[in-house]
C-alpha atoms as a PDB file:
ATOM      1  CA  UNK A   1     -31.914 -22.187 -58.508  1.00  0.00           C
ATOM      2  CA  UNK A   2     -29.072 -21.627 -60.911  1.00  0.00           C
ATOM      3  CA  UNK A   3     -29.999 -20.325 -64.362  1.00  0.00           C
ATOM      4  CA  UNK A   4     -28.520 -23.120 -66.464  1.00  0.00           C
ATOM      5  CA  UNK A   5     -29.463 -21.425 -69.738  1.00  0.00           C
ATOM      6  CA  UNK A   6     -26.560 -18.969 -69.437  1.00  0.00           C
ATOM      7  CA  UNK A   7     -23.913 -21.701 -69.168  1.00  0.00           C
ATOM      8  CA  UNK A   8     -21.539 -22.730 -72.012  1.00  0.00           C
ATOM      9  CA  UNK A   9     -22.205 -25.873 -74.067  1.00  0.00           C
ATOM     10  CA  UNK A  10     -20.056 -28.455 -75.837  1.00  0.00           C
ATOM     11  CA  UNK A  11     -19.927 -28.138 -79.626  1.00  0.00           C
ATOM     12  CA  UNK A  12     -20.036 -31.860 -80.458  1.00  0.00           C
ATOM     13  CA  UNK A  13     -22.745 -33.068 -78.087  1.00  0.00           C
ATOM     14  CA  UNK A  14     -24.674 -29.930 -77.203  1.00  0.00           C
ATOM     15  CA  UNK A  15     -24.339 -30.771 -73.498  1.00  0.00           C
ATOM     16  CA  UNK A  16     -23.031 -28.310 -70.951  1.00  0.00           C
ATOM     17  CA  UNK A  17     -19.259 -28.095 -70.413  1.00  0.00           C
ATOM     18  CA  UNK A  18     -16.998 -28.926 -67.469  1.00  0.00           C
ATOM     19  CA  UNK A  19     -16.816 -25.193 -66.733  1.00  0.00           C
ATOM     20  CA  UNK A  20     -20.611 -25.062 -66.612  1.00  0.00           C
ATOM     21  CA  UNK A  21     -20.709 -28.028 -64.226  1.00  0.00           C
ATOM     22  CA  UNK A  22     -18.352 -26.375 -61.753  1.00  0.00           C
ATOM     23  CA  UNK A  23     -20.115 -23.012 -61.966  1.00  0.00           C
ATOM     24  CA  UNK A  24     -23.527 -24.541 -61.311  1.00  0.00           C
ATOM     25  CA  UNK A  25     -22.328 -26.808 -58.492  1.00  0.00           C
ATOM     26  CA  UNK A  26     -20.529 -23.910 -56.785  1.00  0.00           C
ATOM     27  CA  UNK A  27     -23.705 -21.836 -56.977  1.00  0.00           C
ATOM     28  CA  UNK A  28     -25.909 -24.591 -55.588  1.00  0.00           C
ATOM     29  CA  UNK A  29     -23.560 -25.392 -52.700  1.00  0.00           C
ATOM     30  CA  UNK A  30     -23.199 -21.688 -51.871  1.00  0.00           C
ATOM     31  CA  UNK A  31     -26.904 -21.454 -50.985  1.00  0.00           C
ATOM     32  CA  UNK A  32     -26.443 -20.956 -47.248  1.00  0.00           C
ATOM     33  CA  UNK A  33     -28.777 -22.820 -44.953  1.00  0.00           C
ATOM     34  CA  UNK A  34     -30.087 -25.096 -47.687  1.00  0.00           C
ATOM     35  CA  UNK A  35     -30.106 -28.827 -47.015  1.00  0.00           C
ATOM     36  CA  UNK A  36     -31.869 -29.615 -50.294  1.00  0.00           C
ATOM     37  CA  UNK A  37     -30.216 -32.665 -51.828  1.00  0.00           C
ATOM     38  CA  UNK A  38     -27.865 -32.377 -54.790  1.00  0.00           C
ATOM     39  CA  UNK A  39     -26.795 -35.537 -56.589  1.00  0.00           C
ATOM     40  CA  UNK A  40     -23.755 -35.622 -58.859  1.00  0.00           C
ATOM     41  CA  UNK A  41     -22.767 -38.475 -61.132  1.00  0.00           C
ATOM     42  CA  UNK A  42     -19.731 -39.185 -63.272  1.00  0.00           C
ATOM     43  CA  UNK A  43     -20.358 -41.334 -66.353  1.00  0.00           C
ATOM     44  CA  UNK A  44     -17.669 -43.059 -68.412  1.00  0.00           C
ATOM     45  CA  UNK A  45     -18.133 -44.945 -71.697  1.00  0.00           C
ATOM     46  CA  UNK A  46     -16.598 -48.392 -71.296  1.00  0.00           C
ATOM     47  CA  UNK A  47     -13.758 -49.374 -73.651  1.00  0.00           C
ATOM     48  CA  UNK A  48     -14.120 -46.169 -75.664  1.00  0.00           C
ATOM     49  CA  UNK A  49     -10.568 -46.454 -76.995  1.00  0.00           C
ATOM     50  CA  UNK A  50     -11.522 -49.756 -78.606  1.00  0.00           C
ATOM     51  CA  UNK A  51     -14.563 -48.116 -80.204  1.00  0.00           C
ATOM     52  CA  UNK A  52     -12.383 -45.393 -81.723  1.00  0.00           C
ATOM     53  CA  UNK A  53      -9.927 -47.999 -82.988  1.00  0.00           C
ATOM     54  CA  UNK A  54     -12.525 -50.287 -84.559  1.00  0.00           C
ATOM     55  CA  UNK A  55     -15.017 -47.754 -85.896  1.00  0.00           C
ATOM     56  CA  UNK A  56     -12.821 -44.691 -86.419  1.00  0.00           C
ATOM     57  CA  UNK A  57     -13.069 -41.261 -84.832  1.00  0.00           C
ATOM     58  CA  UNK A  58     -16.273 -40.526 -86.742  1.00  0.00           C
ATOM     59  CA  UNK A  59     -17.809 -43.632 -85.181  1.00  0.00           C
ATOM     60  CA  UNK A  60     -16.548 -42.547 -81.782  1.00  0.00           C
ATOM     61  CA  UNK A  61     -18.133 -39.131 -82.234  1.00  0.00           C
ATOM     62  CA  UNK A  62     -21.450 -40.756 -83.115  1.00  0.00           C
ATOM     63  CA  UNK A  63     -21.294 -42.833 -79.937  1.00  0.00           C
ATOM     64  CA  UNK A  64     -20.573 -39.707 -77.880  1.00  0.00           C
ATOM     65  CA  UNK A  65     -23.554 -37.961 -79.448  1.00  0.00           C
ATOM     66  CA  UNK A  66     -25.824 -40.945 -78.826  1.00  0.00           C
ATOM     67  CA  UNK A  67     -24.855 -41.274 -75.142  1.00  0.00           C
ATOM     68  CA  UNK A  68     -25.269 -37.499 -74.779  1.00  0.00           C
ATOM     69  CA  UNK A  69     -28.780 -37.685 -76.227  1.00  0.00           C
ATOM     70  CA  UNK A  70     -29.799 -40.297 -73.650  1.00  0.00           C
ATOM     71  CA  UNK A  71     -28.151 -38.411 -70.783  1.00  0.00           C
ATOM     72  CA  UNK A  72     -30.041 -35.261 -71.820  1.00  0.00           C
ATOM     73  CA  UNK A  73     -33.289 -37.144 -71.183  1.00  0.00           C
ATOM     74  CA  UNK A  74     -32.188 -38.326 -67.713  1.00  0.00           C
ATOM     75  CA  UNK A  75     -33.210 -36.621 -64.507  1.00  0.00           C
ATOM     76  CA  UNK A  76     -35.910 -34.255 -65.709  1.00  0.00           C
ATOM     77  CA  UNK A  77     -35.936 -30.574 -66.604  1.00  0.00           C
ATOM     78  CA  UNK A  78     -33.867 -29.466 -63.596  1.00  0.00           C
ATOM     79  CA  UNK A  79     -30.918 -31.745 -64.460  1.00  0.00           C
ATOM     80  CA  UNK A  80     -27.642 -30.443 -65.872  1.00  0.00           C
ATOM     81  CA  UNK A  81     -26.133 -32.972 -68.332  1.00  0.00           C
ATOM     82  CA  UNK A  82     -22.440 -32.356 -68.973  1.00  0.00           C
ATOM     83  CA  UNK A  83     -19.691 -33.530 -71.275  1.00  0.00           C
ATOM     84  CA  UNK A  84     -16.931 -33.453 -68.688  1.00  0.00           C
ATOM     85  CA  UNK A  85     -14.111 -34.292 -71.089  1.00  0.00           C
ATOM     86  CA  UNK A  86     -13.297 -36.919 -73.716  1.00  0.00           C
ATOM     87  CA  UNK A  87     -15.631 -39.857 -73.185  1.00  0.00           C
ATOM     88  CA  UNK A  88     -16.524 -38.838 -69.631  1.00  0.00           C
ATOM     89  CA  UNK A  89     -19.828 -37.203 -68.794  1.00  0.00           C
ATOM     90  CA  UNK A  90     -21.389 -35.816 -65.639  1.00  0.00           C
ATOM     91  CA  UNK A  91     -24.925 -35.231 -64.446  1.00  0.00           C
ATOM     92  CA  UNK A  92     -25.912 -32.669 -61.831  1.00  0.00           C
ATOM     93  CA  UNK A  93     -29.298 -33.302 -60.231  1.00  0.00           C
ATOM     94  CA  UNK A  94     -30.462 -30.457 -57.944  1.00  0.00           C
ATOM     95  CA  UNK A  95     -33.175 -31.477 -55.493  1.00  0.00           C
ATOM     96  CA  UNK A  96     -32.781 -35.195 -56.203  1.00  0.00           C
ATOM     97  CA  UNK A  97     -31.932 -37.573 -53.367  1.00  0.00           C
ATOM     98  CA  UNK A  98     -29.567 -40.507 -53.761  1.00  0.00           C
ATOM     99  CA  UNK A  99     -32.247 -43.159 -54.305  1.00  0.00           C
ATOM    100  CA  UNK A 100     -34.001 -41.169 -57.021  1.00  0.00           C
ATOM    101  CA  UNK A 101     -30.691 -40.374 -58.708  1.00  0.00           C
ATOM    102  CA  UNK A 102     -29.665 -44.030 -58.632  1.00  0.00           C
ATOM    103  CA  UNK A 103     -32.914 -45.153 -60.254  1.00  0.00           C
ATOM    104  CA  UNK A 104     -32.639 -42.511 -62.979  1.00  0.00           C
ATOM    105  CA  UNK A 105     -29.033 -43.411 -63.758  1.00  0.00           C
ATOM    106  CA  UNK A 106     -29.703 -47.134 -63.708  1.00  0.00           C
ATOM    107  CA  UNK A 107     -32.476 -46.580 -66.260  1.00  0.00           C
ATOM    108  CA  UNK A 108     -30.025 -44.541 -68.354  1.00  0.00           C
ATOM    109  CA  UNK A 109     -27.400 -47.311 -68.105  1.00  0.00           C
ATOM    110  CA  UNK A 110     -29.910 -49.910 -69.284  1.00  0.00           C
ATOM    111  CA  UNK A 111     -30.893 -47.718 -72.244  1.00  0.00           C
ATOM    112  CA  UNK A 112     -27.273 -47.492 -73.309  1.00  0.00           C
ATOM    113  CA  UNK A 113     -26.688 -51.226 -72.874  1.00  0.00           C
ATOM    114  CA  UNK A 114     -29.779 -52.056 -74.903  1.00  0.00           C
ATOM    115  CA  UNK A 115     -28.877 -49.839 -77.859  1.00  0.00           C
ATOM    116  CA  UNK A 116     -28.246 -51.239 -81.310  1.00  0.00           C
ATOM    117  CA  UNK A 117     -26.220 -48.734 -83.292  1.00  0.00           C
ATOM    118  CA  UNK A 118     -24.540 -48.558 -86.655  1.00  0.00           C
ATOM    119  CA  UNK A 119     -21.642 -46.107 -86.609  1.00  0.00           C
ATOM    120  CA  UNK A 120     -18.590 -45.115 -88.618  1.00  0.00           C
ATOM    121  CA  UNK A 121     -18.001 -44.805 -92.344  1.00  0.00           C
ATOM    122  CA  UNK A 122     -18.891 -47.197 -93.824  1.00  0.00           C
ATOM    123  CA  UNK A 123     -21.467 -47.849 -91.104  1.00  0.00           C
ATOM    124  CA  UNK A 124     -20.972 -51.001 -89.048  1.00  0.00           C
ATOM    125  CA  UNK A 125     -23.083 -52.338 -86.225  1.00  0.00           C
ATOM    126  CA  UNK A 126     -21.566 -51.622 -82.841  1.00  0.00           C
ATOM    127  CA  UNK A 127     -20.820 -54.925 -81.142  1.00  0.00           C
ATOM    128  CA  UNK A 128     -21.495 -53.598 -77.625  1.00  0.00           C
ATOM    129  CA  UNK A 129     -21.916 -50.345 -75.745  1.00  0.00           C
ATOM    130  CA  UNK A 130     -22.034 -49.730 -72.009  1.00  0.00           C
ATOM    131  CA  UNK A 131     -21.336 -47.063 -69.413  1.00  0.00           C
ATOM    132  CA  UNK A 132     -20.067 -47.061 -65.843  1.00  0.00           C
ATOM    133  CA  UNK A 133     -21.460 -44.568 -63.336  1.00  0.00           C
ATOM    134  CA  UNK A 134     -20.320 -43.208 -59.966  1.00  0.00           C
ATOM    135  CA  UNK A 135     -22.796 -41.300 -57.779  1.00  0.00           C
ATOM    136  CA  UNK A 136     -22.533 -39.072 -54.701  1.00  0.00           C
ATOM    137  CA  UNK A 137     -25.169 -36.914 -53.013  1.00  0.00           C
ATOM    138  CA  UNK A 138     -25.145 -33.780 -50.857  1.00  0.00           C
ATOM    139  CA  UNK A 139     -25.519 -33.709 -47.885  1.00  0.00           C
ATOM    140  CA  UNK A 140     -25.403 -37.442 -47.029  1.00  0.00           C
ATOM    141  CA  UNK A 141     -22.024 -38.004 -48.703  1.00  0.00           C
ATOM    142  CA  UNK A 142     -20.472 -34.681 -47.688  1.00  0.00           C
ATOM    143  CA  UNK A 143     -20.834 -30.921 -47.710  1.00  0.00           C
ATOM    144  CA  UNK A 144     -17.692 -29.835 -49.520  1.00  0.00           C
ATOM    145  CA  UNK A 145     -17.499 -29.776 -53.302  1.00  0.00           C
ATOM    146  CA  UNK A 146     -14.118 -31.521 -53.266  1.00  0.00           C
ATOM    147  CA  UNK A 147     -15.466 -34.323 -51.077  1.00  0.00           C
ATOM    148  CA  UNK A 148     -18.556 -34.912 -53.202  1.00  0.00           C
ATOM    149  CA  UNK A 149     -16.548 -34.984 -56.422  1.00  0.00           C
ATOM    150  CA  UNK A 150     -13.931 -37.286 -54.941  1.00  0.00           C
ATOM    151  CA  UNK A 151     -16.568 -39.726 -53.695  1.00  0.00           C
ATOM    152  CA  UNK A 152     -18.357 -39.743 -57.066  1.00  0.00           C
ATOM    153  CA  UNK A 153     -14.994 -40.280 -58.769  1.00  0.00           C
ATOM    154  CA  UNK A 154     -14.115 -43.151 -56.436  1.00  0.00           C
ATOM    155  CA  UNK A 155     -17.543 -44.721 -57.012  1.00  0.00           C
ATOM    156  CA  UNK A 156     -16.877 -44.542 -60.761  1.00  0.00           C
ATOM    157  CA  UNK A 157     -13.494 -46.176 -60.218  1.00  0.00           C
ATOM    158  CA  UNK A 158     -15.152 -49.037 -58.304  1.00  0.00           C
ATOM    159  CA  UNK A 159     -17.662 -49.433 -61.128  1.00  0.00           C
ATOM    160  CA  UNK A 160     -14.823 -49.720 -63.652  1.00  0.00           C
ATOM    161  CA  UNK A 161     -12.716 -52.233 -61.730  1.00  0.00           C
ATOM    162  CA  UNK A 162     -15.810 -54.170 -60.662  1.00  0.00           C
ATOM    163  CA  UNK A 163     -16.698 -55.223 -64.193  1.00  0.00           C
ATOM    164  CA  UNK A 164     -18.093 -52.028 -65.749  1.00  0.00           C
ATOM    165  CA  UNK A 165     -21.669 -51.426 -66.974  1.00  0.00           C
ATOM    166  CA  UNK A 166     -23.006 -50.626 -63.499  1.00  0.00           C
ATOM    167  CA  UNK A 167     -23.906 -47.754 -61.168  1.00  0.00           C
ATOM    168  CA  UNK A 168     -21.977 -47.484 -57.904  1.00  0.00           C
ATOM    169  CA  UNK A 169     -22.824 -45.281 -54.910  1.00  0.00           C
ATOM    170  CA  UNK A 170     -20.386 -43.361 -52.751  1.00  0.00           C
ATOM    171  CA  UNK A 171     -19.188 -45.304 -49.721  1.00  0.00           C
ATOM    172  CA  UNK A 172     -18.805 -44.234 -46.112  1.00  0.00           C
ATOM    173  CA  UNK A 173     -15.140 -43.735 -45.296  1.00  0.00           C
ATOM    174  CA  UNK A 174     -13.224 -44.667 -42.193  1.00  0.00           C
ATOM    175  CA  UNK A 175     -10.281 -42.496 -41.174  1.00  0.00           C
ATOM    176  CA  UNK A 176      -7.396 -43.398 -38.874  1.00  0.00           C
ATOM    177  CA  UNK A 177      -7.300 -41.330 -35.668  1.00  0.00           C
ATOM    178  CA  UNK A 178      -5.916 -37.931 -36.598  1.00  0.00           C
ATOM    179  CA  UNK A 179      -3.939 -37.770 -33.348  1.00  0.00           C
ATOM    180  CA  UNK A 180      -1.624 -40.399 -34.828  1.00  0.00           C
ATOM    181  CA  UNK A 181      -0.382 -38.049 -37.530  1.00  0.00           C
ATOM    182  CA  UNK A 182      -0.580 -34.414 -36.400  1.00  0.00           C
ATOM    183  CA  UNK A 183       0.895 -32.193 -33.719  1.00  0.00           C
ATOM    184  CA  UNK A 184      -1.240 -30.649 -30.988  1.00  0.00           C
ATOM    185  CA  UNK A 185      -0.806 -27.205 -32.550  1.00  0.00           C
ATOM    186  CA  UNK A 186      -1.997 -28.480 -35.915  1.00  0.00           C
ATOM    187  CA  UNK A 187      -5.039 -30.095 -34.311  1.00  0.00           C
ATOM    188  CA  UNK A 188      -5.941 -26.890 -32.485  1.00  0.00           C
ATOM    189  CA  UNK A 189      -5.700 -24.907 -35.716  1.00  0.00           C
ATOM    190  CA  UNK A 190      -7.774 -27.529 -37.515  1.00  0.00           C
ATOM    191  CA  UNK A 191     -10.524 -27.325 -34.886  1.00  0.00           C
ATOM    192  CA  UNK A 192     -10.576 -23.537 -35.155  1.00  0.00           C
ATOM    193  CA  UNK A 193     -10.814 -23.637 -38.945  1.00  0.00           C
ATOM    194  CA  UNK A 194     -13.600 -26.245 -38.835  1.00  0.00           C
ATOM    195  CA  UNK A 195     -15.582 -24.062 -36.441  1.00  0.00           C
ATOM    196  CA  UNK A 196     -15.077 -20.967 -38.609  1.00  0.00           C
ATOM    197  CA  UNK A 197     -16.206 -22.774 -41.786  1.00  0.00           C
ATOM    198  CA  UNK A 198     -18.919 -24.798 -40.018  1.00  0.00           C
ATOM    199  CA  UNK A 199     -17.772 -28.088 -41.515  1.00  0.00           C
ATOM    200  CA  UNK A 200     -16.348 -31.279 -40.066  1.00  0.00           C
ATOM    201  CA  UNK A 201     -12.641 -31.653 -39.386  1.00  0.00           C
ATOM    202  CA  UNK A 202     -12.598 -34.893 -41.414  1.00  0.00           C
ATOM    203  CA  UNK A 203     -13.930 -33.047 -44.465  1.00  0.00           C
ATOM    204  CA  UNK A 204     -11.142 -30.471 -44.197  1.00  0.00           C
ATOM    205  CA  UNK A 205      -8.511 -33.195 -43.894  1.00  0.00           C
ATOM    206  CA  UNK A 206      -9.868 -34.969 -46.966  1.00  0.00           C
ATOM    207  CA  UNK A 207      -9.896 -31.680 -48.882  1.00  0.00           C
ATOM    208  CA  UNK A 208      -6.225 -31.149 -47.969  1.00  0.00           C
ATOM    209  CA  UNK A 209      -5.390 -34.689 -49.123  1.00  0.00           C
ATOM    210  CA  UNK A 210      -7.215 -34.096 -52.422  1.00  0.00           C
ATOM    211  CA  UNK A 211      -5.081 -30.978 -52.983  1.00  0.00           C
ATOM    212  CA  UNK A 212      -1.916 -32.958 -52.225  1.00  0.00           C
ATOM    213  CA  UNK A 213      -2.817 -35.745 -54.661  1.00  0.00           C
ATOM    214  CA  UNK A 214      -3.734 -33.206 -57.346  1.00  0.00           C
ATOM    215  CA  UNK A 215      -0.393 -31.433 -56.805  1.00  0.00           C
ATOM    216  CA  UNK A 216       1.491 -34.625 -57.669  1.00  0.00           C
ATOM    217  CA  UNK A 217      -0.820 -35.576 -60.525  1.00  0.00           C
ATOM    218  CA  UNK A 218      -2.351 -38.664 -58.939  1.00  0.00           C
ATOM    219  CA  UNK A 219      -5.597 -39.718 -60.614  1.00  0.00           C
ATOM    220  CA  UNK A 220      -6.728 -43.261 -59.843  1.00  0.00           C
ATOM    221  CA  UNK A 221      -8.948 -43.761 -62.870  1.00  0.00           C
ATOM    222  CA  UNK A 222      -6.437 -42.457 -65.379  1.00  0.00           C
ATOM    223  CA  UNK A 223      -3.632 -44.464 -63.779  1.00  0.00           C
ATOM    224  CA  UNK A 224      -5.363 -47.806 -63.612  1.00  0.00           C
ATOM    225  CA  UNK A 225      -7.971 -47.884 -66.373  1.00  0.00           C
ATOM    226  CA  UNK A 226      -7.185 -48.410 -70.081  1.00  0.00           C
END
């Protein structure tokens, strides 16, 4: 198991950083021959821009710290709670299957939604607070890091466009027949690479598509959510 105590932490919230998240996930996935489940979740505070506008940046910081405190209590001692960036958090749950992760995150979501906070200077009662969560789990949702993160990200996107304040699971994906888009030589090379890496061809194709979208700066959540 990764030694989380050596990882860097965020100054404002005390949670681990994005760098820590990637380092730990890489280490866990690199454990050859292990099929132990690993759940990853992305958490986004709903309408955080409005909170900053109405209660000021000090109020926004207090909200971030409060959500971080609840996330720190989620998932048990083996969990890695992360401030991923801005108002987005992540939670890495080694050894936790999808059902257990969902229940833990749903309990966390309800805690946030039930909070009654006074924030800002002067302090004002927060009218509402909620989070949206996207969840993916190794190995049922994929074996590659890029695939797991993309599925968790897409689940978060569905939570946001579906009304917010909910937890969404990764979905099974259907791909069009690859023979419709690639040459025979490309397919032969793809099969060889999949055999060498011991992963599915579909996972490699999705990884390549992720790289292409990242190259052109396409991020669904940032593009479509306020």
